[in-house]
């Protein structure tokens, strides 16, 4: 399937249109979380020269909270999606600018390995995502789709890494280096929010 699709085009839309809502269907358009659920299962078909496109970004358009917009931007980066700004670039809040210009998150999206990240754990409202990186590390994302803050964690082995491997861990939104850790990482995640870290050898 991959060899056939890669000969058709460089990028293809995988979903209906996006709208500035958290989830659900609105006429012909879909909310952020619903779009993610459509695009994520197609991770095997993405790679350099053949990208899944879940539609443009809604960051800064006013329908969601900044926490939700950070989740939106992070998930698009994990899915190696095109980061096409859909807001008014001439009139942005500082929070919107900070989200759209987060170089650490953009680097995950544009990692040269070109792998699309995907769910490695799903317990209903709490999800763990992993994205292999060209340096042999991982981008790791915790997503809380629930209605209250929750603690989420992941073992190294769930990402195909040895449990004793020590990795440099950096939180991509707080921009804090958390030191060299092994075995497992966990964090408190806000409702509708994400925690996104980069694990480097």
Protein backbone atom coordinates (compact mmCIF):
# COMPACT_ATOMS: atom_id res chain seq x y z
CA UNK A 1 0.00 0.00 0.00
CA UNK A 2 2.76 2.45 0.95
CA UNK A 3 4.66 1.99 -2.30
CA UNK A 4 1.48 2.67 -4.27
CA UNK A 5 0.42 5.78 -2.32
CA UNK A 6 3.92 7.28 -2.45
CA UNK A 7 3.68 7.34 -6.25
CA UNK A 8 0.43 9.33 -6.22
CA UNK A 9 1.56 12.48 -4.44
CA UNK A 10 3.79 14.04 -1.81
CA UNK A 11 0.95 14.75 0.62
CA UNK A 12 -2.74 13.90 0.93
CA UNK A 13 -5.60 15.01 3.12
CA UNK A 14 -6.66 12.18 5.41
CA UNK A 15 -9.77 13.73 6.96
CA UNK A 16 -12.67 16.07 6.41
CA UNK A 17 -12.21 19.77 7.12
CA UNK A 18 -11.07 20.94 10.55
CA UNK A 19 -12.88 23.46 12.74
CA UNK A 20 -11.92 25.38 15.88
CA UNK A 21 -13.66 22.98 18.30
CA UNK A 22 -12.28 20.36 20.66
CA UNK A 23 -14.16 17.37 19.22
CA UNK A 24 -17.27 16.29 17.33
CA UNK A 25 -18.72 16.97 13.88
CA UNK A 26 -19.96 20.40 12.78
CA UNK A 27 -21.65 20.20 9.37
CA UNK A 28 -18.80 19.03 7.10
CA UNK A 29 -16.01 19.82 9.59
CA UNK A 30 -14.54 18.08 12.63
CA UNK A 31 -13.04 19.12 15.95
CA UNK A 32 -9.38 18.65 16.84
CA UNK A 33 -9.63 15.41 18.82
CA UNK A 34 -11.88 13.82 16.20
CA UNK A 35 -9.40 14.71 13.45
CA UNK A 36 -6.61 13.09 15.48
CA UNK A 37 -8.63 9.88 15.79
CA UNK A 38 -9.03 9.75 12.00
CA UNK A 39 -5.40 10.47 11.15
CA UNK A 40 -3.52 8.49 13.81
CA UNK A 41 -4.30 4.97 12.48
CA UNK A 42 -2.64 5.92 9.17
CA UNK A 43 0.82 6.33 10.74
CA UNK A 44 2.26 3.40 8.80
CA UNK A 45 1.64 5.21 5.50
CA UNK A 46 3.57 8.39 6.37
CA UNK A 47 7.22 9.12 5.67
CA UNK A 48 9.58 11.30 3.63
CA UNK A 49 7.90 12.10 0.34
CA UNK A 50 4.48 10.84 1.39
CA UNK A 51 2.83 12.69 4.26
CA UNK A 52 -0.55 12.41 5.95
CA UNK A 53 -2.26 15.83 6.15
CA UNK A 54 -4.95 16.19 8.86
CA UNK A 55 -5.67 19.79 7.72
CA UNK A 56 -4.39 23.16 8.89
CA UNK A 57 -3.86 24.41 12.43
CA UNK A 58 -6.56 26.25 14.36
CA UNK A 59 -4.13 27.66 16.95
CA UNK A 60 -5.10 31.21 17.90
CA UNK A 61 -8.56 31.32 16.34
CA UNK A 62 -10.29 31.71 19.69
CA UNK A 63 -12.43 28.59 20.01
CA UNK A 64 -10.16 26.68 22.40
CA UNK A 65 -8.02 27.37 25.43
CA UNK A 66 -4.27 27.87 25.20
CA UNK A 67 -3.84 24.46 26.89
CA UNK A 68 -5.93 22.88 24.14
CA UNK A 69 -4.03 24.75 21.44
CA UNK A 70 -0.73 23.46 22.84
CA UNK A 71 -2.18 19.95 22.67
CA UNK A 72 -3.31 20.59 19.08
CA UNK A 73 0.12 21.84 17.98
CA UNK A 74 1.92 19.02 19.81
CA UNK A 75 -0.24 16.28 18.30
CA UNK A 76 0.24 17.66 14.78
CA UNK A 77 4.00 17.62 15.41
CA UNK A 78 3.87 14.05 16.69
CA UNK A 79 1.96 13.05 13.54
CA UNK A 80 4.61 14.67 11.30
CA UNK A 81 1.80 16.77 9.83
CA UNK A 82 2.29 19.96 7.81
CA UNK A 83 2.17 22.87 10.27
CA UNK A 84 0.06 25.29 8.26
CA UNK A 85 -1.05 28.26 10.38
CA UNK A 86 -4.75 28.97 9.97
CA UNK A 87 -4.95 32.10 12.14
CA UNK A 88 -4.49 35.80 11.46
CA UNK A 89 -0.71 36.17 11.54
CA UNK A 90 -0.94 39.97 11.72
CA UNK A 91 -2.89 39.90 14.99
CA UNK A 92 -1.62 37.20 17.35
CA UNK A 93 -1.60 37.06 21.12
CA UNK A 94 1.74 36.36 22.81
CA UNK A 95 0.41 32.92 23.84
CA UNK A 96 -0.42 32.06 20.21
CA UNK A 97 2.96 33.30 19.02
CA UNK A 98 4.72 31.20 21.68
CA UNK A 99 2.87 28.07 20.57
CA UNK A 100 3.44 28.52 16.85
CA UNK A 101 7.13 29.41 17.26
CA UNK A 102 8.12 26.63 19.66
CA UNK A 103 11.28 25.46 17.92
CA UNK A 104 11.60 22.30 20.03
CA UNK A 105 8.15 21.10 18.97
CA UNK A 106 8.69 22.12 15.34
CA UNK A 107 11.93 20.09 15.35
CA UNK A 108 9.94 17.01 16.35
CA UNK A 109 7.53 17.58 13.47
CA UNK A 110 10.36 18.11 10.97
CA UNK A 111 12.73 15.38 12.21
CA UNK A 112 14.53 14.00 9.12
CA UNK A 113 13.63 10.39 9.92
CA UNK A 114 10.09 11.35 8.94
CA UNK A 115 8.28 8.81 11.10
CA UNK A 116 4.72 9.60 12.17
CA UNK A 117 4.19 9.18 15.89
CA UNK A 118 1.29 7.11 17.17
CA UNK A 119 -0.46 5.84 20.27
CA UNK A 120 1.36 3.19 22.25
CA UNK A 121 -1.10 3.25 25.15
CA UNK A 122 -4.77 4.18 25.35
CA UNK A 123 -6.74 3.80 28.57
CA UNK A 124 -9.77 5.77 27.49
CA UNK A 125 -9.13 9.40 28.40
CA UNK A 126 -5.38 8.98 28.93
CA UNK A 127 -3.05 8.34 26.00
CA UNK A 128 0.69 7.85 25.49
CA UNK A 129 2.26 8.60 22.10
CA UNK A 130 5.77 7.89 20.83
CA UNK A 131 7.63 9.14 17.74
CA UNK A 132 11.01 7.65 16.71
CA UNK A 133 13.66 10.29 16.01
CA UNK A 134 16.65 10.30 13.68
CA UNK A 135 19.12 10.45 16.61
CA UNK A 136 17.82 7.14 17.99
CA UNK A 137 15.74 8.83 20.65
CA UNK A 138 12.02 9.37 20.98
CA UNK A 139 9.49 12.15 21.26
CA UNK A 140 7.09 11.15 24.02
CA UNK A 141 3.68 12.72 24.53
CA UNK A 142 1.09 12.26 27.26
CA UNK A 143 -2.44 13.39 26.32
CA UNK A 144 -5.24 13.83 28.85
CA UNK A 145 -8.59 13.83 27.07
CA UNK A 146 -10.49 13.67 30.36
CA UNK A 147 -12.24 16.21 32.55
CA UNK A 148 -9.69 16.43 35.38
CA UNK A 149 -5.91 16.55 35.71
CA UNK A 150 -4.30 13.11 35.68
CA UNK A 151 -0.90 11.49 36.09
CA UNK A 152 0.34 9.61 33.01
CA UNK A 153 3.52 7.60 32.59
CA UNK A 154 5.36 5.34 30.17
CA UNK A 155 8.12 2.76 30.45
CA UNK A 156 11.10 2.88 28.12
CA UNK A 157 10.29 -0.66 26.95
CA UNK A 158 6.89 0.47 25.62
CA UNK A 159 8.84 2.61 23.13
CA UNK A 160 11.20 -0.17 22.11
CA UNK A 161 14.05 1.10 24.30
CA UNK A 162 16.06 -0.91 26.86
CA UNK A 163 14.83 -0.23 30.39
CA UNK A 164 18.33 0.57 31.67
CA UNK A 165 19.16 2.99 28.86
CA UNK A 166 19.86 6.46 30.24
CA UNK A 167 18.35 9.22 28.13
CA UNK A 168 18.55 13.01 28.30
CA UNK A 169 14.99 14.24 28.90
CA UNK A 170 13.78 17.72 27.94
CA UNK A 171 10.27 19.08 28.49
CA UNK A 172 9.42 20.84 25.22
CA UNK A 173 6.84 23.26 26.66
CA UNK A 174 8.51 24.28 29.91
CA UNK A 175 11.84 24.15 28.02
CA UNK A 176 13.50 22.52 31.01
CA UNK A 177 16.19 19.85 30.81
CA UNK A 178 15.24 17.17 33.34
CA UNK A 179 18.53 15.28 33.41
CA UNK A 180 19.48 11.75 32.37
CA UNK A 181 16.76 9.28 33.28
CA UNK A 182 16.19 5.58 32.71
CA UNK A 183 13.32 3.14 32.85
CA UNK A 184 10.27 5.38 32.98
CA UNK A 185 8.94 8.91 32.81
CA UNK A 186 5.65 10.23 34.18
CA UNK A 187 4.03 13.61 34.68
CA UNK A 188 0.85 15.39 35.78
CA UNK A 189 -1.18 16.43 32.73
CA UNK A 190 -3.86 19.12 32.69
CA UNK A 191 -7.35 18.35 31.42
CA UNK A 192 -7.33 18.49 27.59
CA UNK A 193 -3.60 19.09 27.85
CA UNK A 194 -0.37 17.38 26.92
CA UNK A 195 3.08 16.92 28.33
CA UNK A 196 5.64 16.51 25.57
CA UNK A 197 9.28 15.52 26.14
CA UNK A 198 12.24 14.67 23.95
CA UNK A 199 14.37 11.66 24.90
CA UNK A 200 17.90 11.80 23.51
CA UNK A 201 20.64 9.15 23.84
